[in-house]
Amino acid sequence: MCVFLISGPAMKASKDCVVSFHYALTVEGEPLEQSRDQGQPVQVLLGQGQVVEGMEKALEGRSKGDVFQLDLDPGQAYGERREQAIQRLSKKVFGKGARLVAGSAVTLRRKDGSTLQGMIHKVGMTTVDVDLNHPLAGKALHFDVEIMDVREATEEERAHGHVHGPGGHEH
């Protein structure tokens, strides 16, 4: 349940709160992305792991209007790069005519129907090495964050484990 401040109407973010925020992400001194470019703030339901661990912890206790900077080491973000996450696969996995180029993003389907995102690392005669590390694994992240709103999640949002837009959900 979200917590209201005794001294005023501002709500503090906690588990089962919806937090709307804008951010600018910088990696290794280079601007990478800004939520304002998308036109709408990011909305997350705290406690559901919808953002990296360090961001979720930093959002807790925040209120509408808070502005802060956040530096996350890889362990608080996407983890360290793991060499064992580079998998060697037969070209047959990709199907005939697949355009296989080092540096290209690929989506791999597991037997259970779920998917994995990866990046082609190397293309050989009969095999393809796919890097399944997150692109930001091993990198320190710097965020500039502005909290736009904090509200209690609806019963339906809590039951579904994610934020619903205006007028409900579309699933």
C-alpha atoms as a PDB file:
ATOM      1  CA  MET A   1       0.000   0.000   0.000  1.00  0.00           C
ATOM      2  CA  CYS A   2       1.303   3.456  -0.862  1.00  0.00           C
ATOM      3  CA  VAL A   3       2.061   5.807   2.021  1.00  0.00           C
ATOM      4  CA  PHE A   4       0.612   9.329   2.311  1.00  0.00           C
ATOM      5  CA  LEU A   5       2.783  11.945   3.972  1.00  0.00           C
ATOM      6  CA  ILE A   6       1.217  13.283   7.164  1.00  0.00           C
ATOM      7  CA  SER A   7       2.239  16.872   6.358  1.00  0.00           C
ATOM      8  CA  GLY A   8       0.552  16.981   2.938  1.00  0.00           C
ATOM      9  CA  PRO A   9      -1.076  15.172   0.061  1.00  0.00           C
ATOM     10  CA  ALA A  10       2.156  13.834  -1.476  1.00  0.00           C
ATOM     11  CA  MET A  11       2.331  10.057  -1.673  1.00  0.00           C
ATOM     12  CA  LYS A  12       5.590   8.194  -1.132  1.00  0.00           C
ATOM     13  CA  ALA A  13       6.382   5.353  -3.505  1.00  0.00           C
ATOM     14  CA  SER A  14       6.434   1.855  -2.059  1.00  0.00           C
ATOM     15  CA  LYS A  15       5.432  -1.678  -3.077  1.00  0.00           C
ATOM     16  CA  ASP A  16       2.174  -1.733  -5.072  1.00  0.00           C
ATOM     17  CA  CYS A  17       2.458   1.927  -6.058  1.00  0.00           C
ATOM     18  CA  VAL A  18       2.488   3.103  -9.631  1.00  0.00           C
ATOM     19  CA  VAL A  19       5.390   5.478 -10.190  1.00  0.00           C
ATOM     20  CA  SER A  20       5.497   7.634 -13.322  1.00  0.00           C
ATOM     21  CA  PHE A  21       8.892   9.127 -14.081  1.00  0.00           C
ATOM     22  CA  HIS A  22      11.084  10.592 -16.771  1.00  0.00           C
ATOM     23  CA  TYR A  23      14.730   9.630 -17.052  1.00  0.00           C
ATOM     24  CA  ALA A  24      17.830  10.337 -19.075  1.00  0.00           C
ATOM     25  CA  LEU A  25      20.333   7.478 -19.260  1.00  0.00           C
ATOM     26  CA  THR A  26      24.065   8.039 -19.754  1.00  0.00           C
ATOM     27  CA  VAL A  27      26.520   5.157 -20.183  1.00  0.00           C
ATOM     28  CA  GLU A  28      30.277   5.726 -20.066  1.00  0.00           C
ATOM     29  CA  GLY A  29      29.731   9.485 -20.428  1.00  0.00           C
ATOM     30  CA  GLU A  30      27.588   9.109 -23.566  1.00  0.00           C
ATOM     31  CA  PRO A  31      23.855   9.942 -23.541  1.00  0.00           C
ATOM     32  CA  LEU A  32      21.996   6.763 -24.511  1.00  0.00           C
ATOM     33  CA  GLU A  33      18.272   7.467 -24.199  1.00  0.00           C
ATOM     34  CA  GLN A  34      15.671   9.774 -22.688  1.00  0.00           C
ATOM     35  CA  SER A  35      12.095   8.892 -21.831  1.00  0.00           C
ATOM     36  CA  ARG A  36      10.979  12.384 -22.874  1.00  0.00           C
ATOM     37  CA  ASP A  37      11.807  11.383 -26.460  1.00  0.00           C
ATOM     38  CA  GLN A  38       8.926   8.886 -26.185  1.00  0.00           C
ATOM     39  CA  GLY A  39       6.526  11.656 -25.143  1.00  0.00           C
ATOM     40  CA  GLN A  40       5.200   9.865 -22.049  1.00  0.00           C
ATOM     41  CA  PRO A  41       6.814   9.094 -18.692  1.00  0.00           C
ATOM     42  CA  VAL A  42       7.687   5.515 -17.836  1.00  0.00           C
ATOM     43  CA  GLN A  43       5.154   3.872 -15.510  1.00  0.00           C
ATOM     44  CA  VAL A  44       6.081   0.975 -13.256  1.00  0.00           C
ATOM     45  CA  LEU A  45       4.317  -0.996 -10.561  1.00  0.00           C
ATOM     46  CA  LEU A  46       6.846  -1.178  -7.729  1.00  0.00           C
ATOM     47  CA  GLY A  47       7.599  -4.627  -6.387  1.00  0.00           C
ATOM     48  CA  GLN A  48       7.177  -6.374  -9.739  1.00  0.00           C
ATOM     49  CA  GLY A  49      10.764  -6.172 -11.027  1.00  0.00           C
ATOM     50  CA  GLN A  50       9.801  -4.031 -14.015  1.00  0.00           C
ATOM     51  CA  VAL A  51      12.987  -1.950 -13.779  1.00  0.00           C
ATOM     52  CA  VAL A  52      16.516  -2.900 -12.762  1.00  0.00           C
ATOM     53  CA  GLU A  53      17.007  -3.565  -9.057  1.00  0.00           C
ATOM     54  CA  GLY A  54      18.935  -0.367  -8.352  1.00  0.00           C
ATOM     55  CA  MET A  55      16.277   1.820  -9.985  1.00  0.00           C
ATOM     56  CA  GLU A  56      13.460   0.087  -8.105  1.00  0.00           C
ATOM     57  CA  LYS A  57      15.224   0.699  -4.784  1.00  0.00           C
ATOM     58  CA  ALA A  58      15.914   4.335  -5.706  1.00  0.00           C
ATOM     59  CA  LEU A  59      12.237   4.957  -6.541  1.00  0.00           C
ATOM     60  CA  GLU A  60      11.052   3.702  -3.142  1.00  0.00           C
ATOM     61  CA  GLY A  61      10.213   6.560  -0.787  1.00  0.00           C
ATOM     62  CA  ARG A  62      10.102   9.135  -3.581  1.00  0.00           C
ATOM     63  CA  SER A  63       7.232  11.565  -4.183  1.00  0.00           C
ATOM     64  CA  LYS A  64       5.841  13.509  -7.113  1.00  0.00           C
ATOM     65  CA  GLY A  65       8.245  16.304  -8.038  1.00  0.00           C
ATOM     66  CA  ASP A  66      11.389  14.616  -6.701  1.00  0.00           C
ATOM     67  CA  VAL A  67      14.404  15.032  -8.975  1.00  0.00           C
ATOM     68  CA  PHE A  68      17.553  12.995  -8.405  1.00  0.00           C
ATOM     69  CA  GLN A  69      20.606  11.430  -9.988  1.00  0.00           C
ATOM     70  CA  LEU A  70      21.364   7.745  -9.733  1.00  0.00           C
ATOM     71  CA  ASP A  71      24.582   5.851 -10.448  1.00  0.00           C
ATOM     72  CA  LEU A  72      24.292   2.076 -10.704  1.00  0.00           C
ATOM     73  CA  ASP A  73      27.150  -0.388 -10.929  1.00  0.00           C
ATOM     74  CA  PRO A  74      26.555  -3.459 -13.133  1.00  0.00           C
ATOM     75  CA  GLY A  75      25.420  -5.556 -10.161  1.00  0.00           C
ATOM     76  CA  GLN A  76      22.536  -3.145  -9.511  1.00  0.00           C
ATOM     77  CA  ALA A  77      21.620  -2.966 -13.188  1.00  0.00           C
ATOM     78  CA  TYR A  78      22.062  -5.659 -15.864  1.00  0.00           C
ATOM     79  CA  GLY A  79      24.824  -7.651 -14.190  1.00  0.00           C
ATOM     80  CA  GLU A  80      28.342  -8.412 -15.297  1.00  0.00           C
ATOM     81  CA  ARG A  81      29.037  -9.721 -18.792  1.00  0.00           C
ATOM     82  CA  ARG A  82      29.249 -13.490 -18.824  1.00  0.00           C
ATOM     83  CA  GLU A  83      31.332 -15.224 -21.506  1.00  0.00           C
ATOM     84  CA  GLN A  84      29.214 -18.360 -21.071  1.00  0.00           C
ATOM     85  CA  ALA A  85      26.241 -16.322 -22.340  1.00  0.00           C
ATOM     86  CA  ILE A  86      27.773 -16.481 -25.817  1.00  0.00           C
ATOM     87  CA  GLN A  87      26.182 -19.536 -27.387  1.00  0.00           C
ATOM     88  CA  ARG A  88      27.307 -21.348 -30.543  1.00  0.00           C
ATOM     89  CA  LEU A  89      24.309 -22.403 -32.646  1.00  0.00           C
ATOM     90  CA  SER A  90      23.896 -24.178 -35.932  1.00  0.00           C
ATOM     91  CA  LYS A  91      22.928 -21.916 -38.832  1.00  0.00           C
ATOM     92  CA  LYS A  92      19.962 -24.271 -39.282  1.00  0.00           C
ATOM     93  CA  VAL A  93      18.390 -22.715 -36.171  1.00  0.00           C
ATOM     94  CA  PHE A  94      17.898 -19.473 -38.090  1.00  0.00           C
ATOM     95  CA  GLY A  95      16.254 -21.007 -41.165  1.00  0.00           C
ATOM     96  CA  LYS A  96      17.113 -20.756 -44.831  1.00  0.00           C
ATOM     97  CA  GLY A  97      17.747 -17.295 -46.171  1.00  0.00           C
ATOM     98  CA  ALA A  98      18.241 -15.715 -42.747  1.00  0.00           C
ATOM     99  CA  ARG A  99      20.457 -12.642 -42.954  1.00  0.00           C
ATOM    100  CA  LEU A 100      23.184 -13.368 -40.409  1.00  0.00           C
ATOM    101  CA  VAL A 101      25.508 -10.423 -39.816  1.00  0.00           C
ATOM    102  CA  ALA A 102      27.741  -9.805 -36.802  1.00  0.00           C
ATOM    103  CA  GLY A 103      26.252  -6.997 -34.700  1.00  0.00           C
ATOM    104  CA  SER A 104      22.653  -7.746 -35.719  1.00  0.00           C
ATOM    105  CA  ALA A 105      19.968  -8.328 -33.107  1.00  0.00           C
ATOM    106  CA  VAL A 106      18.165 -11.683 -33.170  1.00  0.00           C
ATOM    107  CA  THR A 107      15.185 -13.181 -31.393  1.00  0.00           C
ATOM    108  CA  LEU A 108      15.470 -16.861 -30.554  1.00  0.00           C
ATOM    109  CA  ARG A 109      12.449 -18.991 -29.700  1.00  0.00           C
ATOM    110  CA  ARG A 110      12.787 -21.650 -27.006  1.00  0.00           C
ATOM    111  CA  LYS A 111      10.982 -24.987 -27.134  1.00  0.00           C
ATOM    112  CA  ASP A 112       8.461 -23.697 -24.563  1.00  0.00           C
ATOM    113  CA  GLY A 113       7.562 -20.782 -26.869  1.00  0.00           C
ATOM    114  CA  SER A 114       9.326 -18.087 -24.839  1.00  0.00           C
ATOM    115  CA  THR A 115      11.901 -15.893 -26.558  1.00  0.00           C
ATOM    116  CA  LEU A 116      15.449 -14.726 -25.934  1.00  0.00           C
ATOM    117  CA  GLN A 117      16.993 -11.576 -27.342  1.00  0.00           C
ATOM    118  CA  GLY A 118      20.571 -11.740 -28.501  1.00  0.00           C
ATOM    119  CA  MET A 119      23.189 -10.148 -30.694  1.00  0.00           C
ATOM    120  CA  ILE A 120      25.069 -12.016 -33.397  1.00  0.00           C
ATOM    121  CA  HIS A 121      28.656 -12.067 -32.230  1.00  0.00           C
ATOM    122  CA  LYS A 122      30.320 -14.065 -35.003  1.00  0.00           C
ATOM    123  CA  VAL A 123      29.197 -15.909 -38.140  1.00  0.00           C
ATOM    124  CA  GLY A 124      31.086 -19.018 -39.216  1.00  0.00           C
ATOM    125  CA  MET A 125      30.634 -21.478 -42.088  1.00  0.00           C
ATOM    126  CA  THR A 126      28.051 -23.631 -40.294  1.00  0.00           C
ATOM    127  CA  THR A 127      27.607 -21.940 -36.917  1.00  0.00           C
ATOM    128  CA  VAL A 128      26.641 -18.602 -35.440  1.00  0.00           C
ATOM    129  CA  ASP A 129      27.840 -17.306 -32.069  1.00  0.00           C
ATOM    130  CA  VAL A 130      25.027 -15.386 -30.360  1.00  0.00           C
ATOM    131  CA  ASP A 131      25.683 -13.156 -27.350  1.00  0.00           C
ATOM    132  CA  LEU A 132      22.755 -13.455 -24.927  1.00  0.00           C
ATOM    133  CA  ASN A 133      24.130 -10.874 -22.488  1.00  0.00           C
ATOM    134  CA  HIS A 134      21.989  -7.760 -22.147  1.00  0.00           C
ATOM    135  CA  PRO A 135      23.619  -4.994 -24.241  1.00  0.00           C
ATOM    136  CA  LEU A 136      24.211  -3.001 -21.036  1.00  0.00           C
ATOM    137  CA  ALA A 137      25.667  -5.912 -19.042  1.00  0.00           C
ATOM    138  CA  GLY A 138      28.981  -4.984 -17.447  1.00  0.00           C
ATOM    139  CA  LYS A 139      28.320  -1.255 -17.715  1.00  0.00           C
ATOM    140  CA  ALA A 140      27.781   1.378 -15.042  1.00  0.00           C
ATOM    141  CA  LEU A 141      24.624   3.422 -15.648  1.00  0.00           C
ATOM    142  CA  HIS A 142      23.916   7.043 -14.765  1.00  0.00           C
ATOM    143  CA  PHE A 143      20.302   8.249 -14.597  1.00  0.00           C
ATOM    144  CA  ASP A 144      18.807  11.699 -14.174  1.00  0.00           C
ATOM    145  CA  VAL A 145      15.281  11.067 -12.862  1.00  0.00           C
ATOM    146  CA  GLU A 146      12.187  13.214 -12.305  1.00  0.00           C
ATOM    147  CA  ILE A 147       9.155  11.718 -10.547  1.00  0.00           C
ATOM    148  CA  MET A 148       6.012  12.862 -12.352  1.00  0.00           C
ATOM    149  CA  ASP A 149       3.407  11.043 -10.246  1.00  0.00           C
ATOM    150  CA  VAL A 150       2.942   8.414  -7.551  1.00  0.00           C
ATOM    151  CA  ARG A 151      -0.376   6.684  -7.013  1.00  0.00           C
ATOM    152  CA  GLU A 152      -1.731   3.537  -5.468  1.00  0.00           C
ATOM    153  CA  ALA A 153      -2.168   0.716  -7.954  1.00  0.00           C
ATOM    154  CA  THR A 154      -5.692  -0.442  -8.656  1.00  0.00           C
ATOM    155  CA  GLU A 155      -6.762  -3.869  -7.475  1.00  0.00           C
ATOM    156  CA  GLU A 156      -6.723  -5.019 -11.096  1.00  0.00           C
ATOM    157  CA  GLU A 157      -3.167  -3.704 -11.653  1.00  0.00           C
ATOM    158  CA  ARG A 158      -1.949  -5.513  -8.532  1.00  0.00           C
ATOM    159  CA  ALA A 159      -3.667  -8.730  -9.649  1.00  0.00           C
ATOM    160  CA  HIS A 160      -2.154  -8.500 -13.148  1.00  0.00           C
ATOM    161  CA  GLY A 161       1.277  -7.355 -11.911  1.00  0.00           C
ATOM    162  CA  HIS A 162       1.590  -4.337 -14.196  1.00  0.00           C
ATOM    163  CA  VAL A 163       0.283  -0.829 -14.844  1.00  0.00           C
ATOM    164  CA  HIS A 164      -2.832  -0.318 -16.928  1.00  0.00           C
ATOM    165  CA  GLY A 165      -3.263   2.794 -19.025  1.00  0.00           C
ATOM    166  CA  PRO A 166      -6.216   5.177 -18.925  1.00  0.00           C
ATOM    167  CA  GLY A 167      -9.470   3.295 -19.379  1.00  0.00           C
ATOM    168  CA  GLY A 168      -8.109  -0.099 -18.313  1.00  0.00           C
ATOM    169  CA  HIS A 169      -6.011  -2.678 -20.104  1.00  0.00           C
ATOM    170  CA  GLU A 170      -5.828  -4.276 -23.508  1.00  0.00           C
ATOM    171  CA  HIS A 171      -4.971  -7.902 -22.746  1.00  0.00           C
END
